[in-house]
Structures are given as C-alpha cells and as structure tokens.
C-alpha cells in the first residue's frame, strides 16, 4: 500500500471519529439533554459527583472525553466514574463481563518523527510536529468483575450544599 493511501485511510478514520462524536452529541441535544451539563442532584445521576478517571492510572479524562463519559454514565446508569481498557482490567486481575459494550474515548497529541528532527537539524529550521488522534474503548468498572477492592471503590459524594443551590424561604 502506498504511503498516500495509508495517510488517506488514516484521515478517513479521523473524520469518522469526529463524525461519531458529533453524532453522539447531537443525539443527546435532540433528546433534550445538554451533554456538557451533568444533572447534579437528579435521579438520572446515580454516579457521585466526580470527573471521569482511569481506574488503573487515576488520571482524569479531559476535553470531549468528559462529555462522552458523563453521557455514558447517565445513559447506562453506572454508579461510578472510573473507567478501564479491556487490557487494564485484565492486568488488574479482573475482566470485562461477556457481552458488555465499551465507550469510545479519544487521545489527541503531536509527535515529531526522527526524520523530521534530522531534517530540521540539517536545515536549521523548526521541526514540524504531526498531529494524531487515536481512539480507545473503555469500560466502566461497573461492567467489570473480579477487580481489586481499591479499584472498584466509588468516590465519596460532595458535602451537602456544595453543588446544589441553597433554597431560602
């Protein structure tokens, strides 16, 4: 396969990923939900107030991933905001239950190929970074079995009055 065809296929995948995320956000809006506003204190929010995080690394998700994962928590009624890849669940001694469907998140970054670094050093120009976008499938810890107790724990809820407005009267 030519380099151009490989690049074109990668571009198609990226466009498809953007389309997938856009379609999901539009569907939420059409259903009357604003995906970037979590319904604090409502029956729809069974999970505690928290930013979604990777249960293995404790790293918080950012950007559009927060919206995607909050939406998945509300849609499926998960009780926590902790997520794992299939391999992370296995590496922790657990597993994803058969038949569970994951949620797609994205990772965007830039890198400078070695050839570009060399070219830049030879010409005295700045090296040009290449942006990339990669998708991962993650599973809520509610979708997993046999995880260590410290992984499956749920974050404590916020103190009363911290999120919901005070009613005076």
C-alpha atoms as a PDB file:
ATOM      1  CA  UNK A   1       0.000   0.000   0.000  1.00  0.00           C
ATOM      2  CA  UNK A   2       1.375   3.404  -0.910  1.00  0.00           C
ATOM      3  CA  UNK A   3       2.224   5.996   1.726  1.00  0.00           C
ATOM      4  CA  UNK A   4      -0.527   8.223   0.293  1.00  0.00           C
ATOM      5  CA  UNK A   5      -3.182   5.510   0.651  1.00  0.00           C
ATOM      6  CA  UNK A   6      -2.080   4.809   4.236  1.00  0.00           C
ATOM      7  CA  UNK A   7      -2.336   8.521   5.028  1.00  0.00           C
ATOM      8  CA  UNK A   8      -5.715   8.817   3.305  1.00  0.00           C
ATOM      9  CA  UNK A   9      -7.075   5.843   5.251  1.00  0.00           C
ATOM     10  CA  UNK A  10      -5.827   7.385   8.495  1.00  0.00           C
ATOM     11  CA  UNK A  11      -7.577  10.629   7.546  1.00  0.00           C
ATOM     12  CA  UNK A  12     -10.814   8.759   6.865  1.00  0.00           C
ATOM     13  CA  UNK A  13     -10.603   7.148  10.293  1.00  0.00           C
ATOM     14  CA  UNK A  14     -10.076  10.524  11.921  1.00  0.00           C
ATOM     15  CA  UNK A  15     -13.024  12.051  10.046  1.00  0.00           C
ATOM     16  CA  UNK A  16     -15.158   9.079  11.042  1.00  0.00           C
ATOM     17  CA  UNK A  17     -14.160   9.533  14.677  1.00  0.00           C
ATOM     18  CA  UNK A  18     -15.107  13.224  14.565  1.00  0.00           C
ATOM     19  CA  UNK A  19     -18.413  12.281  12.943  1.00  0.00           C
ATOM     20  CA  UNK A  20     -19.090   9.626  15.598  1.00  0.00           C
ATOM     21  CA  UNK A  21     -18.561  12.085  18.445  1.00  0.00           C
ATOM     22  CA  UNK A  22     -20.535  14.872  16.757  1.00  0.00           C
ATOM     23  CA  UNK A  23     -23.433  12.494  16.052  1.00  0.00           C
ATOM     24  CA  UNK A  24     -23.481  11.383  19.706  1.00  0.00           C
ATOM     25  CA  UNK A  25     -23.554  14.989  20.984  1.00  0.00           C
ATOM     26  CA  UNK A  26     -26.325  15.938  18.532  1.00  0.00           C
ATOM     27  CA  UNK A  27     -28.370  12.897  19.609  1.00  0.00           C
ATOM     28  CA  UNK A  28     -28.051  13.997  23.249  1.00  0.00           C
ATOM     29  CA  UNK A  29     -29.212  17.520  22.354  1.00  0.00           C
ATOM     30  CA  UNK A  30     -32.148  16.170  20.340  1.00  0.00           C
ATOM     31  CA  UNK A  31     -33.117  14.012  23.345  1.00  0.00           C
ATOM     32  CA  UNK A  32     -33.333  17.191  25.419  1.00  0.00           C
ATOM     33  CA  UNK A  33     -30.090  16.650  27.312  1.00  0.00           C
ATOM     34  CA  UNK A  34     -27.197  19.072  27.318  1.00  0.00           C
ATOM     35  CA  UNK A  35     -24.205  16.689  27.438  1.00  0.00           C
ATOM     36  CA  UNK A  36     -21.789  19.198  28.925  1.00  0.00           C
ATOM     37  CA  UNK A  37     -24.043  19.855  31.928  1.00  0.00           C
ATOM     38  CA  UNK A  38     -24.236  16.936  34.341  1.00  0.00           C
ATOM     39  CA  UNK A  39     -27.653  16.796  36.044  1.00  0.00           C
ATOM     40  CA  UNK A  40     -26.351  17.197  39.600  1.00  0.00           C
ATOM     41  CA  UNK A  41     -28.781  16.075  42.250  1.00  0.00           C
ATOM     42  CA  UNK A  42     -31.262  14.426  39.870  1.00  0.00           C
ATOM     43  CA  UNK A  43     -32.378  10.818  39.729  1.00  0.00           C
ATOM     44  CA  UNK A  44     -30.549  10.449  36.376  1.00  0.00           C
ATOM     45  CA  UNK A  45     -27.199  10.936  38.080  1.00  0.00           C
ATOM     46  CA  UNK A  46     -26.588   7.745  40.039  1.00  0.00           C
ATOM     47  CA  UNK A  47     -22.832   8.197  39.989  1.00  0.00           C
ATOM     48  CA  UNK A  48     -21.233  10.507  42.528  1.00  0.00           C
ATOM     49  CA  UNK A  49     -20.116  13.947  41.501  1.00  0.00           C
ATOM     50  CA  UNK A  50     -16.665  13.407  40.048  1.00  0.00           C
ATOM     51  CA  UNK A  51     -14.583  13.812  36.950  1.00  0.00           C
ATOM     52  CA  UNK A  52     -14.258  10.581  34.999  1.00  0.00           C
ATOM     53  CA  UNK A  53     -10.902   8.957  35.636  1.00  0.00           C
ATOM     54  CA  UNK A  54      -8.909   5.957  34.583  1.00  0.00           C
ATOM     55  CA  UNK A  55      -9.231   3.419  37.405  1.00  0.00           C
ATOM     56  CA  UNK A  56      -5.778   1.962  36.741  1.00  0.00           C
ATOM     57  CA  UNK A  57      -3.734   5.172  36.489  1.00  0.00           C
ATOM     58  CA  UNK A  58      -6.026   7.583  38.425  1.00  0.00           C
ATOM     59  CA  UNK A  59      -5.541  10.040  35.548  1.00  0.00           C
ATOM     60  CA  UNK A  60      -8.609  12.201  34.923  1.00  0.00           C
ATOM     61  CA  UNK A  61     -10.107  12.323  31.451  1.00  0.00           C
ATOM     62  CA  UNK A  62     -10.224  15.744  29.800  1.00  0.00           C
ATOM     63  CA  UNK A  63     -11.861  17.566  26.916  1.00  0.00           C
ATOM     64  CA  UNK A  64     -14.590  15.876  24.928  1.00  0.00           C
ATOM     65  CA  UNK A  65     -13.912  12.616  26.807  1.00  0.00           C
ATOM     66  CA  UNK A  66     -15.523  14.116  29.913  1.00  0.00           C
ATOM     67  CA  UNK A  67     -18.729  14.756  27.956  1.00  0.00           C
ATOM     68  CA  UNK A  68     -18.670  11.317  26.374  1.00  0.00           C
ATOM     69  CA  UNK A  69     -18.129   9.513  29.685  1.00  0.00           C
ATOM     70  CA  UNK A  70     -20.658  11.588  31.635  1.00  0.00           C
ATOM     71  CA  UNK A  71     -23.179  10.784  28.901  1.00  0.00           C
ATOM     72  CA  UNK A  72     -22.380   7.064  29.159  1.00  0.00           C
ATOM     73  CA  UNK A  73     -22.772   7.132  32.956  1.00  0.00           C
ATOM     74  CA  UNK A  74     -26.194   8.734  32.642  1.00  0.00           C
ATOM     75  CA  UNK A  75     -27.308   6.575  29.695  1.00  0.00           C
ATOM     76  CA  UNK A  76     -26.356   3.276  31.321  1.00  0.00           C
ATOM     77  CA  UNK A  77     -26.934   4.198  34.979  1.00  0.00           C
ATOM     78  CA  UNK A  78     -23.392   3.407  36.088  1.00  0.00           C
ATOM     79  CA  UNK A  79     -22.687   4.045  39.760  1.00  0.00           C
ATOM     80  CA  UNK A  80     -19.131   5.318  39.356  1.00  0.00           C
ATOM     81  CA  UNK A  81     -16.882   7.487  37.223  1.00  0.00           C
ATOM     82  CA  UNK A  82     -13.988   5.001  36.913  1.00  0.00           C
ATOM     83  CA  UNK A  83     -13.009   3.527  33.561  1.00  0.00           C
ATOM     84  CA  UNK A  84     -10.584   0.879  32.248  1.00  0.00           C
ATOM     85  CA  UNK A  85      -9.488  -0.503  28.920  1.00  0.00           C
ATOM     86  CA  UNK A  86     -10.007  -4.226  28.393  1.00  0.00           C
ATOM     87  CA  UNK A  87      -6.284  -4.882  28.902  1.00  0.00           C
ATOM     88  CA  UNK A  88      -6.116  -2.724  32.039  1.00  0.00           C
ATOM     89  CA  UNK A  89      -8.945  -4.755  33.588  1.00  0.00           C
ATOM     90  CA  UNK A  90      -7.031  -7.957  32.826  1.00  0.00           C
ATOM     91  CA  UNK A  91      -3.760  -6.551  34.186  1.00  0.00           C
ATOM     92  CA  UNK A  92      -5.516  -5.760  37.473  1.00  0.00           C
ATOM     93  CA  UNK A  93      -6.723  -9.351  37.799  1.00  0.00           C
ATOM     94  CA  UNK A  94     -10.264  -8.603  36.690  1.00  0.00           C
ATOM     95  CA  UNK A  95     -12.150  -8.850  33.446  1.00  0.00           C
ATOM     96  CA  UNK A  96     -14.886  -7.169  31.439  1.00  0.00           C
ATOM     97  CA  UNK A  97     -18.105  -9.180  31.612  1.00  0.00           C
ATOM     98  CA  UNK A  98     -19.016 -11.002  28.412  1.00  0.00           C
ATOM     99  CA  UNK A  99     -21.398  -9.023  26.217  1.00  0.00           C
ATOM    100  CA  UNK A 100     -20.559  -5.612  27.702  1.00  0.00           C
ATOM    101  CA  UNK A 101     -20.132  -2.798  25.201  1.00  0.00           C
ATOM    102  CA  UNK A 102     -17.459  -0.198  25.761  1.00  0.00           C
ATOM    103  CA  UNK A 103     -17.415   3.552  25.269  1.00  0.00           C
ATOM    104  CA  UNK A 104     -15.070   5.180  22.768  1.00  0.00           C
ATOM    105  CA  UNK A 105     -12.758   7.929  24.041  1.00  0.00           C
ATOM    106  CA  UNK A 106     -10.057   9.767  22.135  1.00  0.00           C
ATOM    107  CA  UNK A 107      -6.444  10.740  22.678  1.00  0.00           C
ATOM    108  CA  UNK A 108      -5.007  13.633  20.679  1.00  0.00           C
ATOM    109  CA  UNK A 109      -1.373  14.693  20.629  1.00  0.00           C
ATOM    110  CA  UNK A 110       1.518  15.584  18.338  1.00  0.00           C
ATOM    111  CA  UNK A 111       4.828  13.925  17.637  1.00  0.00           C
ATOM    112  CA  UNK A 112       7.956  14.746  15.674  1.00  0.00           C
ATOM    113  CA  UNK A 113       9.292  11.867  13.572  1.00  0.00           C
ATOM    114  CA  UNK A 114      13.033  11.187  13.767  1.00  0.00           C
ATOM    115  CA  UNK A 115      13.419  12.004  10.070  1.00  0.00           C
ATOM    116  CA  UNK A 116      11.824  15.406  10.607  1.00  0.00           C
ATOM    117  CA  UNK A 117      14.111  16.089  13.584  1.00  0.00           C
ATOM    118  CA  UNK A 118      17.119  15.228  11.424  1.00  0.00           C
ATOM    119  CA  UNK A 119      15.889  17.390   8.525  1.00  0.00           C
ATOM    120  CA  UNK A 120      15.302  20.327  10.873  1.00  0.00           C
ATOM    121  CA  UNK A 121      18.758  19.965  12.419  1.00  0.00           C
ATOM    122  CA  UNK A 122      20.379  19.899   8.965  1.00  0.00           C
ATOM    123  CA  UNK A 123      18.463  22.905   7.601  1.00  0.00           C
ATOM    124  CA  UNK A 124      18.293  24.929  10.810  1.00  0.00           C
ATOM    125  CA  UNK A 125      14.507  25.098  10.546  1.00  0.00           C
ATOM    126  CA  UNK A 126      11.999  24.219  13.223  1.00  0.00           C
ATOM    127  CA  UNK A 127      10.869  20.611  13.247  1.00  0.00           C
ATOM    128  CA  UNK A 128       7.223  20.206  12.239  1.00  0.00           C
ATOM    129  CA  UNK A 129       5.052  18.188  14.600  1.00  0.00           C
ATOM    130  CA  UNK A 130       2.424  15.849  13.176  1.00  0.00           C
ATOM    131  CA  UNK A 131      -0.920  15.791  14.978  1.00  0.00           C
ATOM    132  CA  UNK A 132      -2.605  12.455  15.612  1.00  0.00           C
ATOM    133  CA  UNK A 133      -5.863  11.232  17.033  1.00  0.00           C
ATOM    134  CA  UNK A 134      -6.304   7.755  18.477  1.00  0.00           C
ATOM    135  CA  UNK A 135      -9.434   6.098  19.780  1.00  0.00           C
ATOM    136  CA  UNK A 136      -9.698   3.739  22.731  1.00  0.00           C
ATOM    137  CA  UNK A 137     -12.563   1.684  24.062  1.00  0.00           C
ATOM    138  CA  UNK A 138     -13.046   1.920  27.815  1.00  0.00           C
ATOM    139  CA  UNK A 139     -15.388   0.139  30.187  1.00  0.00           C
ATOM    140  CA  UNK A 140     -16.909   1.462  33.377  1.00  0.00           C
ATOM    141  CA  UNK A 141     -15.810  -0.509  36.425  1.00  0.00           C
ATOM    142  CA  UNK A 142     -19.494  -1.470  36.824  1.00  0.00           C
ATOM    143  CA  UNK A 143     -19.014  -3.544  33.650  1.00  0.00           C
ATOM    144  CA  UNK A 144     -16.102  -5.479  35.156  1.00  0.00           C
ATOM    145  CA  UNK A 145     -15.811  -8.352  37.613  1.00  0.00           C
ATOM    146  CA  UNK A 146     -13.043  -9.521  39.954  1.00  0.00           C
ATOM    147  CA  UNK A 147     -11.313  -6.136  40.204  1.00  0.00           C
ATOM    148  CA  UNK A 148      -9.369  -5.404  43.395  1.00  0.00           C
ATOM    149  CA  UNK A 149     -11.491  -3.689  46.059  1.00  0.00           C
ATOM    150  CA  UNK A 150      -9.451  -0.477  45.892  1.00  0.00           C
ATOM    151  CA  UNK A 151     -10.156  -0.180  42.147  1.00  0.00           C
ATOM    152  CA  UNK A 152     -13.887  -0.735  42.352  1.00  0.00           C
ATOM    153  CA  UNK A 153     -14.448   1.795  45.132  1.00  0.00           C
ATOM    154  CA  UNK A 154     -16.789   4.672  44.487  1.00  0.00           C
ATOM    155  CA  UNK A 155     -15.732   8.258  45.102  1.00  0.00           C
ATOM    156  CA  UNK A 156     -17.436   9.894  48.099  1.00  0.00           C
ATOM    157  CA  UNK A 157     -20.324  12.244  47.288  1.00  0.00           C
ATOM    158  CA  UNK A 158     -19.839  16.005  47.760  1.00  0.00           C
ATOM    159  CA  UNK A 159     -20.794  17.636  51.025  1.00  0.00           C
ATOM    160  CA  UNK A 160     -24.407  18.860  51.194  1.00  0.00           C
ATOM    161  CA  UNK A 161     -24.826  22.355  49.775  1.00  0.00           C
ATOM    162  CA  UNK A 162     -21.589  22.240  47.775  1.00  0.00           C
ATOM    163  CA  UNK A 163     -23.263  21.749  44.368  1.00  0.00           C
ATOM    164  CA  UNK A 164     -27.000  22.214  44.625  1.00  0.00           C
ATOM    165  CA  UNK A 165     -28.195  25.776  45.168  1.00  0.00           C
ATOM    166  CA  UNK A 166     -29.432  26.626  48.615  1.00  0.00           C
ATOM    167  CA  UNK A 167     -33.158  27.074  48.911  1.00  0.00           C
ATOM    168  CA  UNK A 168     -34.073  30.019  51.065  1.00  0.00           C
ATOM    169  CA  UNK A 169     -37.570  30.624  52.173  1.00  0.00           C
END
